[in-house]
Amino acid sequence: MAEITRKRTGELIRGIFQILMDHPNGLPAKQILEQLETIVPPNDFERSTYPKRPGVRRYENVARFSTIGPVKAGWLRKDKGLWILTDEGRLAFEKFKDPLQLANESERLYREWKLQQPDAAIEEAIGAASPDASTTLEEAEEASWTEVEEHLKGIAPYDFQNLVAGLLKGIGYHVVWVAPPGPDGGIDIIAYTDPLGVTGPRIKVQVKRSDERIAVKDIRSFLAVLSEGDVGLFIATGGFTRDAEAEAQRQEKRRVMLIDLKRLFDLCVEYYAKIPDRERRLLPLKAVWFLSPGDVG
């Protein structure tokens, strides 16, 4: 029975990996699970619903549960509802074509990972939890991020710019200039590390509101307005191409940091209490506490 269960887990893992092989930048979990059903159709048990959750099939939760091992093995990365297949995951997909072998290797690596953790007892409890319990929080986090993402992308451009300025103030920087409506010459915000701009670098910020990833040419245009003593922050809601990231990393004299929407949100959460009230109202957040299944009992 255990071998049959592991084989089914391997089938689901291979199906998920097959979908992600063609998407190096990842896909939203919801989209993956919709496609997975056409590749690995649910069996009778997976078509059934949970007694305490009418209308909710087991299939999606069982599929999510199957990804615990691959995540701990380093094959799959999850980031606010986006699932990304790593290079190690791609190699595993090519090497272990038999679902049972794939599942066994995933379980082996998961156990290796667990032995290295400081509190193996908690991880054991999480690993033994039911698919329903272990995936509820994950689904809630994805739904929460989707709502936050839509809100951030829907903010008026200059309100979004002001939110970034407020975040810089919350972090402790001194914002001396925020671009008014109209052409900005490639710079939206200027800040310093002290009130007079006497010490530390000058910080120049560019904010791009677009669903498209920022390309190399955009990074080079930004670098052109940075002096050797400046630090550049390039904030883009659509993220950056790999070439753009590489271009930023190879800079030595002109330092530039790339911040996508998820990183921006994480910073907002970290410094939320210190962001001025006016800017904080542009991103109204409220923490909600969940009971962790792994700690119950």
C-alpha atoms as a PDB file:
ATOM      1  CA  MET A   1       0.000   0.000   0.000  1.00  0.00           C
ATOM      2  CA  ALA A   2       2.839   2.395   0.899  1.00  0.00           C
ATOM      3  CA  GLU A   3       4.514   1.723  -2.457  1.00  0.00           C
ATOM      4  CA  ILE A   4       1.273   2.464  -4.306  1.00  0.00           C
ATOM      5  CA  THR A   5       0.920   5.745  -2.406  1.00  0.00           C
ATOM      6  CA  ARG A   6       4.528   6.725  -3.167  1.00  0.00           C
ATOM      7  CA  LYS A   7       4.045   5.896  -6.833  1.00  0.00           C
ATOM      8  CA  ARG A   8       0.997   8.153  -6.951  1.00  0.00           C
ATOM      9  CA  THR A   9       3.014  10.899  -5.273  1.00  0.00           C
ATOM     10  CA  GLY A  10       5.685  10.435  -7.930  1.00  0.00           C
ATOM     11  CA  GLU A  11       3.092  10.716 -10.701  1.00  0.00           C
ATOM     12  CA  LEU A  12       1.852  14.010  -9.304  1.00  0.00           C
ATOM     13  CA  ILE A  13       5.393  15.332  -8.866  1.00  0.00           C
ATOM     14  CA  ARG A  14       6.328  14.414 -12.438  1.00  0.00           C
ATOM     15  CA  GLY A  15       3.153  16.032 -13.730  1.00  0.00           C
ATOM     16  CA  ILE A  16       3.932  19.273 -11.897  1.00  0.00           C
ATOM     17  CA  PHE A  17       7.539  19.226 -13.077  1.00  0.00           C
ATOM     18  CA  GLN A  18       6.438  18.533 -16.672  1.00  0.00           C
ATOM     19  CA  ILE A  19       4.317  21.677 -16.632  1.00  0.00           C
ATOM     20  CA  LEU A  20       7.096  23.794 -15.135  1.00  0.00           C
ATOM     21  CA  MET A  21       9.790  22.559 -17.534  1.00  0.00           C
ATOM     22  CA  ASP A  22       8.423  24.989 -20.127  1.00  0.00           C
ATOM     23  CA  HIS A  23       8.164  27.885 -17.668  1.00  0.00           C
ATOM     24  CA  PRO A  24      11.595  28.814 -16.267  1.00  0.00           C
ATOM     25  CA  ASN A  25      10.128  31.799 -14.421  1.00  0.00           C
ATOM     26  CA  GLY A  26       7.486  29.631 -12.742  1.00  0.00           C
ATOM     27  CA  LEU A  27       3.698  29.621 -12.738  1.00  0.00           C
ATOM     28  CA  PRO A  28       1.005  30.381 -10.154  1.00  0.00           C
ATOM     29  CA  ALA A  29       0.029  27.298  -8.170  1.00  0.00           C
ATOM     30  CA  LYS A  30      -3.624  27.598  -9.181  1.00  0.00           C
ATOM     31  CA  GLN A  31      -2.700  27.522 -12.869  1.00  0.00           C
ATOM     32  CA  ILE A  32      -0.408  24.526 -12.357  1.00  0.00           C
ATOM     33  CA  LEU A  33      -3.096  22.531 -10.569  1.00  0.00           C
ATOM     34  CA  GLU A  34      -5.601  23.267 -13.330  1.00  0.00           C
ATOM     35  CA  GLN A  35      -3.169  21.972 -15.970  1.00  0.00           C
ATOM     36  CA  LEU A  36      -2.119  19.025 -13.812  1.00  0.00           C
ATOM     37  CA  GLU A  37      -5.591  17.516 -13.976  1.00  0.00           C
ATOM     38  CA  THR A  38      -5.228  17.032 -17.750  1.00  0.00           C
ATOM     39  CA  ILE A  39      -1.840  15.313 -17.333  1.00  0.00           C
ATOM     40  CA  VAL A  40      -2.495  13.291 -14.180  1.00  0.00           C
ATOM     41  CA  PRO A  41      -6.288  12.851 -13.880  1.00  0.00           C
ATOM     42  CA  PRO A  42      -7.638  12.413 -10.340  1.00  0.00           C
ATOM     43  CA  ASN A  43      -8.539   8.943  -9.145  1.00  0.00           C
ATOM     44  CA  ASP A  44     -11.799   8.112  -7.358  1.00  0.00           C
ATOM     45  CA  PHE A  45     -10.439   9.001  -3.929  1.00  0.00           C
ATOM     46  CA  GLU A  46      -9.039  12.330  -5.149  1.00  0.00           C
ATOM     47  CA  ARG A  47     -12.363  13.225  -6.778  1.00  0.00           C
ATOM     48  CA  SER A  48     -14.128  12.851  -3.443  1.00  0.00           C
ATOM     49  CA  THR A  49     -14.694  15.858  -1.197  1.00  0.00           C
ATOM     50  CA  TYR A  50     -13.820  16.521   2.424  1.00  0.00           C
ATOM     51  CA  PRO A  51     -16.705  15.882   4.863  1.00  0.00           C
ATOM     52  CA  LYS A  52     -16.013  19.151   6.700  1.00  0.00           C
ATOM     53  CA  ARG A  53     -15.366  21.143   3.522  1.00  0.00           C
ATOM     54  CA  PRO A  54     -18.318  20.574   1.189  1.00  0.00           C
ATOM     55  CA  GLY A  55     -17.467  21.064  -2.459  1.00  0.00           C
ATOM     56  CA  VAL A  56     -13.702  20.949  -1.886  1.00  0.00           C
ATOM     57  CA  ARG A  57     -12.040  18.046  -3.709  1.00  0.00           C
ATOM     58  CA  ARG A  58      -9.140  16.159  -2.224  1.00  0.00           C
ATOM     59  CA  TYR A  59      -7.214  16.243  -5.523  1.00  0.00           C
ATOM     60  CA  GLU A  60      -5.766  19.754  -5.241  1.00  0.00           C
ATOM     61  CA  ASN A  61      -4.703  19.230  -1.619  1.00  0.00           C
ATOM     62  CA  VAL A  62      -3.181  15.824  -2.345  1.00  0.00           C
ATOM     63  CA  ALA A  63      -1.208  17.406  -5.201  1.00  0.00           C
ATOM     64  CA  ARG A  64      -0.002  20.216  -2.948  1.00  0.00           C
ATOM     65  CA  PHE A  65       0.941  17.695  -0.255  1.00  0.00           C
ATOM     66  CA  SER A  66       3.066  15.797  -2.796  1.00  0.00           C
ATOM     67  CA  THR A  67       5.295  18.883  -3.210  1.00  0.00           C
ATOM     68  CA  ILE A  68       6.557  18.892   0.400  1.00  0.00           C
ATOM     69  CA  GLY A  69       9.401  16.508  -0.417  1.00  0.00           C
ATOM     70  CA  PRO A  70      10.478  18.268  -3.645  1.00  0.00           C
ATOM     71  CA  VAL A  71      10.564  21.627  -1.849  1.00  0.00           C
ATOM     72  CA  LYS A  72      12.782  20.298   0.935  1.00  0.00           C
ATOM     73  CA  ALA A  73      14.903  18.464  -1.643  1.00  0.00           C
ATOM     74  CA  GLY A  74      15.612  21.774  -3.377  1.00  0.00           C
ATOM     75  CA  TRP A  75      13.803  20.751  -6.545  1.00  0.00           C
ATOM     76  CA  LEU A  76      10.884  23.131  -6.242  1.00  0.00           C
ATOM     77  CA  ARG A  77      10.758  26.681  -4.919  1.00  0.00           C
ATOM     78  CA  LYS A  78       7.574  28.396  -3.774  1.00  0.00           C
ATOM     79  CA  ASP A  79       7.287  32.153  -3.527  1.00  0.00           C
ATOM     80  CA  LYS A  80       3.914  33.655  -2.613  1.00  0.00           C
ATOM     81  CA  GLY A  81       1.921  31.251  -4.752  1.00  0.00           C
ATOM     82  CA  LEU A  82       4.473  31.083  -7.572  1.00  0.00           C
ATOM     83  CA  TRP A  83       6.019  27.625  -8.053  1.00  0.00           C
ATOM     84  CA  ILE A  84       9.429  27.535  -9.724  1.00  0.00           C
ATOM     85  CA  LEU A  85      11.340  24.448 -10.833  1.00  0.00           C
ATOM     86  CA  THR A  86      15.014  24.719  -9.848  1.00  0.00           C
ATOM     87  CA  ASP A  87      17.947  23.456 -11.895  1.00  0.00           C
ATOM     88  CA  GLU A  88      18.194  20.511  -9.482  1.00  0.00           C
ATOM     89  CA  GLY A  89      14.502  19.782 -10.093  1.00  0.00           C
ATOM     90  CA  ARG A  90      15.028  19.765 -13.842  1.00  0.00           C
ATOM     91  CA  LEU A  91      17.871  17.280 -13.458  1.00  0.00           C
ATOM     92  CA  ALA A  92      15.722  15.075 -11.227  1.00  0.00           C
ATOM     93  CA  PHE A  93      12.883  15.144 -13.764  1.00  0.00           C
ATOM     94  CA  GLU A  94      15.259  13.944 -16.503  1.00  0.00           C
ATOM     95  CA  LYS A  95      17.026  11.358 -14.336  1.00  0.00           C
ATOM     96  CA  PHE A  96      14.082   9.717 -12.546  1.00  0.00           C
ATOM     97  CA  LYS A  97      11.555   8.986 -15.260  1.00  0.00           C
ATOM     98  CA  ASP A  98       9.872   6.292 -13.178  1.00  0.00           C
ATOM     99  CA  PRO A  99       7.394   7.967 -10.767  1.00  0.00           C
ATOM    100  CA  LEU A 100       8.217   5.563  -7.925  1.00  0.00           C
ATOM    101  CA  GLN A 101      11.943   6.226  -8.225  1.00  0.00           C
ATOM    102  CA  LEU A 102      11.294   9.972  -8.287  1.00  0.00           C
ATOM    103  CA  ALA A 103       9.133   9.769  -5.171  1.00  0.00           C
ATOM    104  CA  ASN A 104      11.668   7.580  -3.348  1.00  0.00           C
ATOM    105  CA  GLU A 105      14.498  10.001  -4.109  1.00  0.00           C
ATOM    106  CA  SER A 106      12.359  12.920  -3.012  1.00  0.00           C
ATOM    107  CA  GLU A 107      11.559  11.158   0.265  1.00  0.00           C
ATOM    108  CA  ARG A 108      15.240  10.296   0.819  1.00  0.00           C
ATOM    109  CA  LEU A 109      16.327  13.910   0.372  1.00  0.00           C
ATOM    110  CA  TYR A 110      13.483  15.099   2.560  1.00  0.00           C
ATOM    111  CA  ARG A 111      14.624  12.819   5.387  1.00  0.00           C
ATOM    112  CA  GLU A 112      18.203  14.059   4.967  1.00  0.00           C
ATOM    113  CA  TRP A 113      16.978  17.617   5.223  1.00  0.00           C
ATOM    114  CA  LYS A 114      14.876  16.845   8.295  1.00  0.00           C
ATOM    115  CA  LEU A 115      17.790  15.300  10.182  1.00  0.00           C
ATOM    116  CA  GLN A 116      19.710  18.544   9.817  1.00  0.00           C
ATOM    117  CA  GLN A 117      16.963  20.663  11.371  1.00  0.00           C
ATOM    118  CA  PRO A 118      17.250  21.785  15.004  1.00  0.00           C
ATOM    119  CA  ASP A 119      13.732  20.659  15.903  1.00  0.00           C
ATOM    120  CA  ALA A 120      13.065  17.409  14.057  1.00  0.00           C
ATOM    121  CA  ALA A 121      10.038  16.643  16.230  1.00  0.00           C
ATOM    122  CA  ILE A 122       8.035  19.558  14.825  1.00  0.00           C
ATOM    123  CA  GLU A 123       9.010  18.665  11.278  1.00  0.00           C
ATOM    124  CA  GLU A 124       7.956  15.079  11.941  1.00  0.00           C
ATOM    125  CA  ALA A 125       4.547  16.311  13.032  1.00  0.00           C
ATOM    126  CA  ILE A 126       4.210  18.458   9.925  1.00  0.00           C
ATOM    127  CA  GLY A 127       5.288  15.585   7.686  1.00  0.00           C
ATOM    128  CA  ALA A 128       2.738  13.284   9.283  1.00  0.00           C
ATOM    129  CA  ALA A 129      -0.111  15.773   9.003  1.00  0.00           C
ATOM    130  CA  SER A 130      -2.969  15.122   6.635  1.00  0.00           C
ATOM    131  CA  PRO A 131      -2.917  16.785   3.196  1.00  0.00           C
ATOM    132  CA  ASP A 132      -5.870  18.899   4.295  1.00  0.00           C
ATOM    133  CA  ALA A 133      -4.102  20.284   7.361  1.00  0.00           C
ATOM    134  CA  SER A 134      -0.725  20.844   5.731  1.00  0.00           C
ATOM    135  CA  THR A 135      -2.008  22.762   2.719  1.00  0.00           C
ATOM    136  CA  THR A 136      -4.671  25.007   4.290  1.00  0.00           C
ATOM    137  CA  LEU A 137      -2.137  27.632   5.343  1.00  0.00           C
ATOM    138  CA  GLU A 138      -0.426  27.503   1.953  1.00  0.00           C
ATOM    139  CA  GLU A 139      -3.727  28.171   0.176  1.00  0.00           C
ATOM    140  CA  ALA A 140      -4.514  31.027   2.571  1.00  0.00           C
ATOM    141  CA  GLU A 141      -1.129  32.627   1.955  1.00  0.00           C
ATOM    142  CA  GLU A 142      -1.597  32.381  -1.808  1.00  0.00           C
ATOM    143  CA  ALA A 143      -5.053  33.941  -1.640  1.00  0.00           C
ATOM    144  CA  SER A 144      -3.732  36.711   0.594  1.00  0.00           C
ATOM    145  CA  TRP A 145      -0.831  37.492  -1.737  1.00  0.00           C
ATOM    146  CA  THR A 146      -3.125  37.554  -4.784  1.00  0.00           C
ATOM    147  CA  GLU A 147      -5.256  40.207  -3.097  1.00  0.00           C
ATOM    148  CA  VAL A 148      -2.217  42.254  -2.044  1.00  0.00           C
ATOM    149  CA  GLU A 149      -0.665  41.974  -5.511  1.00  0.00           C
ATOM    150  CA  GLU A 150      -3.848  43.195  -7.209  1.00  0.00           C
ATOM    151  CA  HIS A 151      -4.040  46.108  -4.780  1.00  0.00           C
ATOM    152  CA  LEU A 152      -0.424  47.156  -5.338  1.00  0.00           C
ATOM    153  CA  LYS A 153      -0.762  46.945  -9.105  1.00  0.00           C
ATOM    154  CA  GLY A 154      -3.989  48.936  -8.958  1.00  0.00           C
ATOM    155  CA  ILE A 155      -2.606  51.862  -6.949  1.00  0.00           C
ATOM    156  CA  ALA A 156      -2.321  55.101  -8.924  1.00  0.00           C
ATOM    157  CA  PRO A 157       1.255  55.516 -10.249  1.00  0.00           C
ATOM    158  CA  TYR A 158       2.144  58.508  -8.066  1.00  0.00           C
ATOM    159  CA  ASP A 159       0.566  56.923  -5.002  1.00  0.00           C
ATOM    160  CA  PHE A 160       2.742  53.891  -5.623  1.00  0.00           C
ATOM    161  CA  GLN A 161       5.753  56.174  -5.902  1.00  0.00           C
ATOM    162  CA  ASN A 162       4.794  57.818  -2.609  1.00  0.00           C
ATOM    163  CA  LEU A 163       4.424  54.401  -0.969  1.00  0.00           C
ATOM    164  CA  VAL A 164       8.018  53.609  -1.961  1.00  0.00           C
ATOM    165  CA  ALA A 165       9.132  56.962  -0.552  1.00  0.00           C
ATOM    166  CA  GLY A 166       7.287  56.180   2.677  1.00  0.00           C
ATOM    167  CA  LEU A 167       8.997  52.806   2.898  1.00  0.00           C
ATOM    168  CA  LEU A 168      12.405  54.467   2.554  1.00  0.00           C
ATOM    169  CA  LYS A 169      11.464  56.824   5.385  1.00  0.00           C
ATOM    170  CA  GLY A 170      10.371  53.843   7.465  1.00  0.00           C
ATOM    171  CA  ILE A 171      13.687  52.111   6.876  1.00  0.00           C
ATOM    172  CA  GLY A 172      15.445  55.227   8.130  1.00  0.00           C
ATOM    173  CA  TYR A 173      16.495  57.076   4.984  1.00  0.00           C
ATOM    174  CA  HIS A 174      15.894  60.794   4.505  1.00  0.00           C
ATOM    175  CA  VAL A 175      13.844  61.403   1.376  1.00  0.00           C
ATOM    176  CA  VAL A 176      14.662  64.829  -0.048  1.00  0.00           C
ATOM    177  CA  TRP A 177      12.882  64.681  -3.392  1.00  0.00           C
ATOM    178  CA  VAL A 178       9.979  62.816  -4.975  1.00  0.00           C
ATOM    179  CA  ALA A 179       9.356  63.442  -8.662  1.00  0.00           C
ATOM    180  CA  PRO A 180       6.187  65.443  -9.421  1.00  0.00           C
ATOM    181  CA  PRO A 181       3.892  64.417 -12.297  1.00  0.00           C
ATOM    182  CA  GLY A 182       5.639  64.731 -15.653  1.00  0.00           C
ATOM    183  CA  PRO A 183       9.037  63.713 -17.077  1.00  0.00           C
ATOM    184  CA  ASP A 184      11.459  62.724 -14.329  1.00  0.00           C
ATOM    185  CA  GLY A 185      14.685  62.099 -16.221  1.00  0.00           C
ATOM    186  CA  GLY A 186      14.875  58.495 -15.065  1.00  0.00           C
ATOM    187  CA  ILE A 187      14.852  59.270 -11.320  1.00  0.00           C
ATOM    188  CA  ASP A 188      11.696  59.167  -9.196  1.00  0.00           C
ATOM    189  CA  ILE A 189      13.075  59.545  -5.666  1.00  0.00           C
ATOM    190  CA  ILE A 190      16.286  60.857  -4.106  1.00  0.00           C
ATOM    191  CA  ALA A 191      17.261  60.037  -0.531  1.00  0.00           C
ATOM    192  CA  TYR A 192      20.243  60.222   1.804  1.00  0.00           C
ATOM    193  CA  THR A 193      21.424  58.339   4.857  1.00  0.00           C
ATOM    194  CA  ASP A 194      21.459  61.520   6.972  1.00  0.00           C
ATOM    195  CA  PRO A 195      19.240  64.632   7.029  1.00  0.00           C
ATOM    196  CA  LEU A 196      21.791  66.915   5.329  1.00  0.00           C
ATOM    197  CA  GLY A 197      23.220  64.439   2.855  1.00  0.00           C
ATOM    198  CA  VAL A 198      26.693  64.936   4.290  1.00  0.00           C
ATOM    199  CA  THR A 199      27.579  61.292   4.978  1.00  0.00           C
ATOM    200  CA  GLY A 200      26.959  58.127   3.068  1.00  0.00           C
ATOM    201  CA  PRO A 201      25.900  57.728  -0.544  1.00  0.00           C
ATOM    202  CA  ARG A 202      23.148  59.491  -2.415  1.00  0.00           C
ATOM    203  CA  ILE A 203      20.319  57.059  -3.163  1.00  0.00           C
ATOM    204  CA  LYS A 204      18.549  57.359  -6.493  1.00  0.00           C
ATOM    205  CA  VAL A 205      15.369  55.387  -7.048  1.00  0.00           C
ATOM    206  CA  GLN A 206      13.512  54.494 -10.208  1.00  0.00           C
ATOM    207  CA  VAL A 207      10.015  53.006  -9.961  1.00  0.00           C
ATOM    208  CA  LYS A 208       8.529  51.112 -12.906  1.00  0.00           C
ATOM    209  CA  ARG A 209       4.880  50.076 -12.984  1.00  0.00           C
ATOM    210  CA  SER A 210       4.567  47.367 -15.633  1.00  0.00           C
ATOM    211  CA  ASP A 211       3.661  43.700 -15.946  1.00  0.00           C
ATOM    212  CA  GLU A 212       6.646  43.235 -18.273  1.00  0.00           C
ATOM    213  CA  ARG A 213      10.021  42.222 -16.884  1.00  0.00           C
ATOM    214  CA  ILE A 214      12.679  44.908 -16.965  1.00  0.00           C
ATOM    215  CA  ALA A 215      15.308  44.193 -19.632  1.00  0.00           C
ATOM    216  CA  VAL A 216      19.043  44.907 -19.796  1.00  0.00           C
ATOM    217  CA  LYS A 217      18.587  48.131 -21.758  1.00  0.00           C
ATOM    218  CA  ASP A 218      16.471  49.587 -18.938  1.00  0.00           C
ATOM    219  CA  ILE A 219      19.138  48.747 -16.371  1.00  0.00           C
ATOM    220  CA  ARG A 220      21.818  50.368 -18.528  1.00  0.00           C
ATOM    221  CA  SER A 221      19.698  53.499 -18.940  1.00  0.00           C
ATOM    222  CA  PHE A 222      19.346  53.676 -15.154  1.00  0.00           C
ATOM    223  CA  LEU A 223      23.072  53.150 -14.638  1.00  0.00           C
ATOM    224  CA  ALA A 224      23.714  56.113 -16.933  1.00  0.00           C
ATOM    225  CA  VAL A 225      22.158  58.508 -14.389  1.00  0.00           C
ATOM    226  CA  LEU A 226      24.156  57.120 -11.456  1.00  0.00           C
ATOM    227  CA  SER A 227      27.460  58.650 -10.422  1.00  0.00           C
ATOM    228  CA  GLU A 228      30.199  56.514  -8.892  1.00  0.00           C
ATOM    229  CA  GLY A 229      29.187  57.566  -5.386  1.00  0.00           C
ATOM    230  CA  ASP A 230      25.487  56.846  -5.898  1.00  0.00           C
ATOM    231  CA  VAL A 231      23.498  53.792  -4.939  1.00  0.00           C
ATOM    232  CA  GLY A 232      20.625  52.930  -7.246  1.00  0.00           C
ATOM    233  CA  LEU A 233      17.373  51.226  -6.323  1.00  0.00           C
ATOM    234  CA  PHE A 234      15.367  49.959  -9.280  1.00  0.00           C
ATOM    235  CA  ILE A 235      11.872  48.916  -8.220  1.00  0.00           C
ATOM    236  CA  ALA A 236       9.775  47.107 -10.829  1.00  0.00           C
ATOM    237  CA  THR A 237       6.369  45.516 -10.304  1.00  0.00           C
ATOM    238  CA  GLY A 238       6.939  43.064 -13.155  1.00  0.00           C
ATOM    239  CA  GLY A 239      10.359  41.900 -11.998  1.00  0.00           C
ATOM    240  CA  PHE A 240      13.543  41.594 -14.033  1.00  0.00           C
ATOM    241  CA  THR A 241      14.940  39.329 -16.732  1.00  0.00           C
ATOM    242  CA  ARG A 242      17.902  37.135 -15.844  1.00  0.00           C
ATOM    243  CA  ASP A 243      20.121  39.218 -18.126  1.00  0.00           C
ATOM    244  CA  ALA A 244      19.034  42.379 -16.318  1.00  0.00           C
ATOM    245  CA  GLU A 245      19.839  40.795 -12.951  1.00  0.00           C
ATOM    246  CA  ALA A 246      23.252  39.712 -14.228  1.00  0.00           C
ATOM    247  CA  GLU A 247      23.957  43.236 -15.513  1.00  0.00           C
ATOM    248  CA  ALA A 248      23.200  44.706 -12.086  1.00  0.00           C
ATOM    249  CA  GLN A 249      25.316  42.118 -10.258  1.00  0.00           C
ATOM    250  CA  ARG A 250      28.422  42.723 -12.340  1.00  0.00           C
ATOM    251  CA  GLN A 251      28.551  46.420 -11.454  1.00  0.00           C
ATOM    252  CA  GLU A 252      31.406  47.441  -9.160  1.00  0.00           C
ATOM    253  CA  LYS A 253      31.640  51.252  -9.186  1.00  0.00           C
ATOM    254  CA  ARG A 254      27.925  51.945  -9.563  1.00  0.00           C
ATOM    255  CA  ARG A 255      25.908  49.870  -7.133  1.00  0.00           C
ATOM    256  CA  VAL A 256      22.331  49.063  -8.033  1.00  0.00           C
ATOM    257  CA  MET A 257      19.792  46.954  -6.168  1.00  0.00           C
ATOM    258  CA  LEU A 258      16.851  45.365  -7.983  1.00  0.00           C
ATOM    259  CA  ILE A 259      13.588  45.052  -6.060  1.00  0.00           C
ATOM    260  CA  ASP A 260      10.547  43.259  -7.457  1.00  0.00           C
ATOM    261  CA  LEU A 261       6.997  43.502  -6.127  1.00  0.00           C
ATOM    262  CA  LYS A 262       7.365  40.598  -3.697  1.00  0.00           C
ATOM    263  CA  ARG A 263      10.574  41.943  -2.200  1.00  0.00           C
ATOM    264  CA  LEU A 264       8.981  45.387  -1.936  1.00  0.00           C
ATOM    265  CA  PHE A 265       6.022  43.919  -0.069  1.00  0.00           C
ATOM    266  CA  ASP A 266       8.278  41.972   2.303  1.00  0.00           C
ATOM    267  CA  LEU A 267      10.116  45.198   3.122  1.00  0.00           C
ATOM    268  CA  CYS A 268       6.800  46.982   3.691  1.00  0.00           C
ATOM    269  CA  VAL A 269       5.772  44.265   6.147  1.00  0.00           C
ATOM    270  CA  GLU A 270       9.120  44.401   7.953  1.00  0.00           C
ATOM    271  CA  TYR A 271       9.043  48.190   8.400  1.00  0.00           C
ATOM    272  CA  TYR A 272       5.281  48.699   8.352  1.00  0.00           C
ATOM    273  CA  ALA A 273       5.016  50.271  11.806  1.00  0.00           C
ATOM    274  CA  LYS A 274       7.679  52.859  10.902  1.00  0.00           C
ATOM    275  CA  ILE A 275       6.179  53.954   7.584  1.00  0.00           C
ATOM    276  CA  PRO A 276       4.508  57.389   8.008  1.00  0.00           C
ATOM    277  CA  ASP A 277       0.735  57.227   8.420  1.00  0.00           C
ATOM    278  CA  ARG A 278      -0.045  58.989   5.148  1.00  0.00           C
ATOM    279  CA  GLU A 279       1.942  56.498   3.067  1.00  0.00           C
ATOM    280  CA  ARG A 280       0.924  53.524   5.214  1.00  0.00           C
ATOM    281  CA  ARG A 281      -2.720  54.186   4.357  1.00  0.00           C
ATOM    282  CA  LEU A 282      -1.849  53.430   0.727  1.00  0.00           C
ATOM    283  CA  LEU A 283      -1.254  49.799   1.759  1.00  0.00           C
ATOM    284  CA  PRO A 284      -3.673  48.930   4.583  1.00  0.00           C
ATOM    285  CA  LEU A 285      -2.529  45.637   6.098  1.00  0.00           C
ATOM    286  CA  LYS A 286      -3.766  43.544   8.989  1.00  0.00           C
ATOM    287  CA  ALA A 287      -2.019  40.490  10.434  1.00  0.00           C
ATOM    288  CA  VAL A 288      -4.102  37.324  10.818  1.00  0.00           C
ATOM    289  CA  TRP A 289      -2.796  34.501  13.004  1.00  0.00           C
ATOM    290  CA  PHE A 290      -3.254  30.829  12.051  1.00  0.00           C
ATOM    291  CA  LEU A 291      -2.851  27.755  14.212  1.00  0.00           C
ATOM    292  CA  SER A 292       0.081  25.751  12.844  1.00  0.00           C
ATOM    293  CA  PRO A 293      -0.919  22.072  12.226  1.00  0.00           C
ATOM    294  CA  GLY A 294       2.595  20.940  13.054  1.00  0.00           C
ATOM    295  CA  ASP A 295       2.409  22.369  16.567  1.00  0.00           C
ATOM    296  CA  VAL A 296      -0.967  20.930  17.507  1.00  0.00           C
ATOM    297  CA  GLY A 297      -1.110  17.944  19.801  1.00  0.00           C
END
